[in-house]
Amino acid sequence: VEKSSVKDVYELIVSDLRFAEEHLPPEWPGNPGRPTVWAARSLLAQVYLTMGGWPLKDESKYALAAAEAKEVIDHSPHGLLDNFADIWLLNNENNKEIVWAIQFCSVEKCNSPYFMTQGGYATMPSEESGWDDVFFEVGFYKRFPAGPRKDATFHTHFTNGVGFEQGSTRHPYIAKYRDGAEQGKPSYENDYMTSRNMNYLRFAEVLLIYAEAQAMADGAPSKDAYKAINRVRARAGLNDLAPGLSQLAFRDSVVAERGWELAAEFSRWFDLVRTEKVETVKALKDPLDMQPAV
């Protein structure tokens, strides 16, 4: 059997998601975690957006991505939470912003550690009980716009009282998944694990998919595209995006916004690959990123 082409693989993915669109219900009352028609539409929009970039560069897919995302924006029960930090609370899982999340369970409830979201196991002395296995680039942290979203994304002051610059890795850690893993909090479950769900698709990403796809499909951003990205920026405490941007300037602004909004949510690498920006972003590394851990 010969290796399938990239195009053939994507066509199979699209076929599966179209089937899912036709057969999934709009909701599963009492069954969180089951994908809905809105999850299928959101994922299909994500796939179409990716197909528009490298390596396929099939620009006809941008209009399809915009259409799928717009259906979710206009007709689904999903929306943005007012407070970015509230998305990540254990007691607020499966909130209206979550289009699809992988469900996890605590050892206490499920009698097994394998149903928990694992933060990592440290292989050296650690001030953060294993959470330093995965961390952010310093350059990315420094470029990240200040505000409530930044505060809820990065864990920069550690439990031993030091800042990340003096920590074992000299890098800020991920804050989004820590609820349930910090002693002294009511949600505490374990030093290096938490049963917090793993979000796969959020409504904020659907807004950003629509904004980018519409601009790329129609040659320039529409009022609705600006409205979509500005809803995400407003929640983050940022001003509206500058009006009158060209198609590519707007696209680059949306990709940057995706980096901030979806940090540590498994999308950044794919965004940089499809927009052919890997080397550009790599050149922005801070000198501290290149230094070994202490």
Protein backbone atom coordinates (compact mmCIF):
# COMPACT_ATOMS: atom_id res chain seq x y z
CA VAL A 1 0.00 0.00 0.00
CA GLU A 2 1.49 3.33 -1.03
CA LYS A 3 1.55 6.29 1.28
CA SER A 4 -1.49 8.50 0.80
CA SER A 5 -1.04 12.07 -0.36
CA VAL A 6 -1.62 14.97 2.03
CA LYS A 7 -4.65 15.94 -0.06
CA ASP A 8 -6.15 12.45 0.20
CA VAL A 9 -5.69 12.41 3.98
CA TYR A 10 -7.46 15.75 4.33
CA GLU A 11 -10.28 14.64 2.05
CA LEU A 12 -10.88 11.65 4.32
CA ILE A 13 -10.90 13.91 7.39
CA VAL A 14 -13.39 16.25 5.72
CA SER A 15 -15.59 13.32 4.71
CA ASP A 16 -15.68 12.05 8.31
CA LEU A 17 -16.53 15.49 9.68
CA ARG A 18 -19.28 16.06 7.15
CA PHE A 19 -20.77 12.72 8.18
CA ALA A 20 -20.52 13.85 11.81
CA GLU A 21 -22.27 17.14 10.95
CA GLU A 22 -25.18 15.24 9.47
CA HIS A 23 -25.60 12.77 12.31
CA LEU A 24 -24.56 14.41 15.59
CA PRO A 25 -27.20 16.11 17.77
CA PRO A 26 -26.95 19.75 18.92
CA GLU A 27 -26.57 18.65 22.55
CA TRP A 28 -26.17 15.62 24.83
CA PRO A 29 -28.04 16.51 28.04
CA GLY A 30 -26.29 14.98 31.04
CA ASN A 31 -23.44 13.62 28.91
CA PRO A 32 -20.64 16.20 28.81
CA GLY A 33 -17.72 15.36 26.55
CA ARG A 34 -19.72 13.82 23.73
CA PRO A 35 -19.09 15.78 20.50
CA THR A 36 -22.08 17.71 19.17
CA VAL A 37 -22.88 19.03 15.72
CA TRP A 38 -21.28 22.30 16.88
CA ALA A 39 -18.06 20.48 17.71
CA ALA A 40 -18.09 18.88 14.25
CA ARG A 41 -18.69 22.22 12.55
CA SER A 42 -15.97 23.92 14.59
CA LEU A 43 -13.45 21.19 13.86
CA LEU A 44 -14.36 21.23 10.18
CA ALA A 45 -13.80 25.00 10.12
CA GLN A 46 -10.40 24.43 11.72
CA VAL A 47 -9.53 21.79 9.11
CA TYR A 48 -10.63 23.98 6.19
CA LEU A 49 -8.56 26.87 7.55
CA THR A 50 -5.53 24.59 7.73
CA MET A 51 -6.11 23.35 4.17
CA GLY A 52 -5.98 26.95 2.99
CA GLY A 53 -2.38 27.22 4.17
CA TRP A 54 0.80 25.24 3.63
CA PRO A 55 1.22 22.63 2.22
CA LEU A 56 -2.04 22.39 0.25
CA LYS A 57 -2.61 26.14 -0.13
CA ASP A 58 -6.14 25.49 -1.34
CA GLU A 59 -7.56 28.99 -1.03
CA SER A 60 -11.04 27.78 -1.91
CA LYS A 61 -11.24 26.30 1.59
CA TYR A 62 -11.20 29.70 3.33
CA ALA A 63 -14.81 30.45 2.37
CA LEU A 64 -15.85 27.02 3.64
CA ALA A 65 -14.03 27.61 6.94
CA ALA A 66 -15.74 30.98 7.36
CA ALA A 67 -19.16 29.48 6.64
CA GLU A 68 -18.78 26.66 9.15
CA ALA A 69 -17.49 28.97 11.86
CA LYS A 70 -20.29 31.48 11.21
CA GLU A 71 -22.90 28.76 11.74
CA VAL A 72 -21.42 28.05 15.18
CA ILE A 73 -21.19 31.75 16.04
CA ASP A 74 -24.77 32.52 14.97
CA HIS A 75 -26.68 29.41 16.01
CA SER A 76 -24.87 27.43 18.71
CA PRO A 77 -25.43 27.83 22.46
CA HIS A 78 -21.74 28.66 22.94
CA GLY A 79 -20.28 32.06 23.80
CA LEU A 80 -17.41 33.80 25.55
CA LEU A 81 -17.18 33.91 29.33
CA ASP A 82 -16.71 37.39 30.73
CA ASN A 83 -13.58 36.46 32.70
CA PHE A 84 -10.78 34.55 30.92
CA ALA A 85 -9.54 32.99 34.17
CA ASP A 86 -12.95 31.42 34.84
CA ILE A 87 -12.53 29.12 31.81
CA TRP A 88 -9.87 27.13 33.67
CA LEU A 89 -11.54 26.50 37.02
CA LEU A 90 -12.27 22.92 38.05
CA ASN A 91 -15.68 23.93 39.32
CA ASN A 92 -16.55 25.61 36.02
CA GLU A 93 -15.77 22.81 33.57
CA ASN A 94 -17.94 22.35 30.50
CA ASN A 95 -18.96 26.00 30.60
CA LYS A 96 -20.62 27.66 27.60
CA GLU A 97 -17.28 28.57 25.99
CA ILE A 98 -16.18 24.95 25.72
CA VAL A 99 -17.26 23.50 22.38
CA TRP A 100 -15.53 20.18 23.03
CA ALA A 101 -13.36 18.97 25.90
CA ILE A 102 -11.73 15.66 26.78
CA GLN A 103 -13.22 14.67 30.13
CA PHE A 104 -10.95 13.69 33.02
CA CYS A 105 -11.62 12.35 36.50
CA SER A 106 -9.87 12.49 39.86
CA VAL A 107 -8.33 9.45 41.53
CA GLU A 108 -10.85 9.86 44.33
CA LYS A 109 -13.79 9.56 41.95
CA CYS A 110 -12.44 7.06 39.42
CA ASN A 111 -9.90 5.13 41.51
CA SER A 112 -7.16 5.51 38.90
CA PRO A 113 -4.52 8.17 38.13
CA TYR A 114 -4.86 7.47 34.42
CA PHE A 115 -8.07 9.44 34.11
CA MET A 116 -6.34 12.65 35.22
CA THR A 117 -4.78 15.43 33.18
CA GLN A 118 -1.11 15.04 33.97
CA GLY A 119 1.06 18.11 34.35
CA GLY A 120 4.35 16.28 34.15
CA TYR A 121 6.84 14.40 36.30
CA ALA A 122 10.00 16.31 37.20
CA THR A 123 13.28 14.51 36.53
CA MET A 124 15.31 16.86 38.69
CA PRO A 125 14.78 18.83 41.91
CA SER A 126 11.83 21.08 41.27
CA GLU A 127 10.08 23.92 43.03
CA GLU A 128 6.83 23.12 41.24
CA SER A 129 6.34 19.34 41.64
CA GLY A 130 6.70 18.42 37.98
CA TRP A 131 4.92 21.32 36.33
CA ASP A 132 8.28 22.58 35.07
CA ASP A 133 8.46 19.71 32.56
CA VAL A 134 6.63 21.99 30.11
CA PHE A 135 7.15 25.74 30.00
CA PHE A 136 6.81 28.82 27.80
CA GLU A 137 9.56 30.58 25.89
CA VAL A 138 10.70 33.72 27.66
CA GLY A 139 10.48 35.68 24.42
CA PHE A 140 6.86 34.64 23.96
CA TYR A 141 6.11 35.67 27.54
CA LYS A 142 7.71 39.09 27.04
CA ARG A 143 5.82 39.74 23.79
CA PHE A 144 2.49 38.66 25.28
CA PRO A 145 0.18 41.69 25.80
CA ALA A 146 -0.33 42.57 29.46
CA GLY A 147 -3.75 42.08 31.01
CA PRO A 148 -6.02 39.51 32.67
CA ARG A 149 -5.40 36.95 29.93
CA LYS A 150 -1.65 37.06 30.47
CA ASP A 151 -2.12 36.76 34.23
CA ALA A 152 -4.25 33.63 33.77
CA THR A 153 -1.95 32.05 31.16
CA PHE A 154 1.46 32.16 32.87
CA HIS A 155 2.58 30.87 36.26
CA THR A 156 5.53 33.12 37.12
CA HIS A 157 5.84 33.19 40.92
CA PHE A 158 6.52 29.84 42.45
CA THR A 159 5.50 28.16 45.67
CA ASN A 160 8.98 28.60 47.18
CA GLY A 161 8.65 32.37 46.80
CA VAL A 162 10.94 32.93 43.80
CA GLY A 163 10.09 34.34 40.39
CA PHE A 164 10.61 32.30 37.25
CA GLU A 165 13.93 34.03 36.52
CA GLN A 166 15.40 32.33 39.59
CA GLY A 167 13.59 29.00 39.09
CA SER A 168 15.10 25.70 38.05
CA THR A 169 14.25 26.23 34.37
CA ARG A 170 14.31 30.06 34.29
CA HIS A 171 11.05 30.00 32.36
CA PRO A 172 7.41 30.77 33.18
CA TYR A 173 5.17 27.72 33.50
CA ILE A 174 1.64 27.07 32.28
CA ALA A 175 -1.12 28.34 34.58
CA LYS A 176 -4.20 27.25 32.61
CA TYR A 177 -4.31 23.65 33.85
CA ARG A 178 -3.06 24.10 37.42
CA ASP A 179 -6.35 24.38 39.25
CA GLY A 180 -6.48 21.32 41.50
CA ALA A 181 -2.70 21.06 41.84
CA GLU A 182 -1.84 23.89 44.22
CA GLN A 183 -1.77 23.20 47.93
CA GLY A 184 -3.76 25.55 50.09
CA LYS A 185 -6.56 26.00 47.56
CA PRO A 186 -10.00 24.42 48.05
CA SER A 187 -9.62 22.66 44.69
CA TYR A 188 -6.38 20.90 45.67
CA GLU A 189 -6.14 17.27 44.46
CA ASN A 190 -2.48 16.46 43.79
CA ASP A 191 0.90 18.19 43.49
CA TYR A 192 1.51 17.20 39.89
CA MET A 193 -1.88 16.12 38.56
CA THR A 194 -5.31 17.62 38.24
CA SER A 195 -8.58 16.19 36.99
CA ARG A 196 -9.33 19.35 35.06
CA ASN A 197 -10.67 18.61 31.57
CA MET A 198 -8.47 19.15 28.53
CA ASN A 199 -10.19 21.74 26.32
CA TYR A 200 -9.94 20.86 22.64
CA LEU A 201 -12.16 23.53 21.07
CA ARG A 202 -13.29 26.83 22.55
CA PHE A 203 -15.72 29.41 21.20
CA ALA A 204 -12.92 31.98 21.18
CA GLU A 205 -11.07 29.90 18.59
CA VAL A 206 -14.21 29.70 16.44
CA LEU A 207 -14.37 33.51 16.43
CA LEU A 208 -10.73 33.73 15.37
CA ILE A 209 -11.16 31.06 12.69
CA TYR A 210 -14.04 33.05 11.23
CA ALA A 211 -12.12 36.33 11.31
CA GLU A 212 -9.09 34.92 9.49
CA ALA A 213 -11.01 32.77 7.03
CA GLN A 214 -13.39 35.54 5.98
CA ALA A 215 -10.55 37.97 5.28
CA MET A 216 -8.63 35.37 3.29
CA ALA A 217 -11.72 34.33 1.33
CA ASP A 218 -12.96 37.80 0.41
CA GLY A 219 -9.68 39.70 -0.01
CA ALA A 220 -10.21 42.03 2.96
CA PRO A 221 -11.66 41.82 6.46
CA SER A 222 -15.35 42.58 6.85
CA LYS A 223 -17.05 44.34 9.75
CA ASP A 224 -18.07 40.93 11.07
CA ALA A 225 -14.45 39.71 10.94
CA TYR A 226 -13.33 42.74 12.95
CA LYS A 227 -16.19 42.19 15.38
CA ALA A 228 -15.13 38.57 15.89
CA ILE A 229 -11.49 39.26 16.75
CA ASN A 230 -12.38 42.34 18.79
CA ARG A 231 -14.68 40.27 21.02
CA VAL A 232 -11.65 38.15 21.93
CA ARG A 233 -9.40 41.18 22.40
CA ALA A 234 -11.94 43.02 24.56
CA ARG A 235 -12.15 40.10 26.97
CA ALA A 236 -8.34 40.13 27.18
CA GLY A 237 -8.37 43.84 28.10
CA LEU A 238 -7.01 44.99 24.74
CA ASN A 239 -8.16 47.77 22.42
CA ASP A 240 -9.92 47.00 19.16
CA LEU A 241 -7.72 46.05 16.24
CA ALA A 242 -6.74 49.00 14.05
CA PRO A 243 -9.29 49.52 11.25
CA GLY A 244 -8.43 49.48 7.57
CA LEU A 245 -5.87 46.67 7.66
CA SER A 246 -4.98 44.87 4.45
CA GLN A 247 -5.89 41.23 3.99
CA LEU A 248 -2.47 39.89 5.05
CA ALA A 249 -1.95 42.42 7.83
CA PHE A 250 -5.31 41.42 9.28
CA ARG A 251 -4.50 37.72 8.84
CA ASP A 252 -1.19 38.17 10.67
CA SER A 253 -2.97 40.02 13.47
CA VAL A 254 -5.44 37.16 13.87
CA VAL A 255 -2.64 34.57 13.89
CA ALA A 256 -0.85 36.59 16.59
CA GLU A 257 -4.10 36.79 18.55
CA ARG A 258 -4.50 33.02 18.27
CA GLY A 259 -1.03 32.69 19.78
CA TRP A 260 -2.01 34.74 22.80
CA GLU A 261 -5.52 33.37 23.25
CA LEU A 262 -4.73 29.69 22.64
CA ALA A 263 -1.32 29.50 24.30
CA ALA A 264 -0.62 25.91 25.48
CA GLU A 265 -3.79 24.66 23.78
CA PHE A 266 -2.04 22.66 21.04
CA SER A 267 -2.57 25.06 18.13
CA ARG A 268 0.50 27.29 17.85
CA TRP A 269 2.78 24.93 15.93
CA PHE A 270 0.08 24.19 13.35
CA ASP A 271 -0.64 27.91 12.91
CA LEU A 272 3.03 28.67 12.29
CA VAL A 273 3.39 25.79 9.83
CA ARG A 274 0.30 26.61 7.77
CA THR A 275 1.25 30.31 7.58
CA GLU A 276 4.94 29.50 6.96
CA LYS A 277 6.10 31.53 9.95
CA VAL A 278 8.16 28.94 11.86
CA GLU A 279 11.53 30.52 11.06
CA THR A 280 10.22 34.06 11.61
CA VAL A 281 9.02 33.25 15.12
CA LYS A 282 12.07 31.13 15.89
CA ALA A 283 14.22 34.24 15.32
CA LEU A 284 12.33 36.02 18.13
CA LYS A 285 13.64 33.71 20.85
CA ASP A 286 14.95 35.52 23.92
CA PRO A 287 18.61 34.81 24.85
CA LEU A 288 17.36 33.28 28.11
CA ASP A 289 15.54 30.63 26.05
CA MET A 290 18.89 29.33 24.90
CA GLN A 291 20.41 28.93 28.36
CA PRO A 292 20.42 25.53 30.11
CA ALA A 293 18.39 24.98 33.26
CA VAL A 294 20.21 25.30 36.58
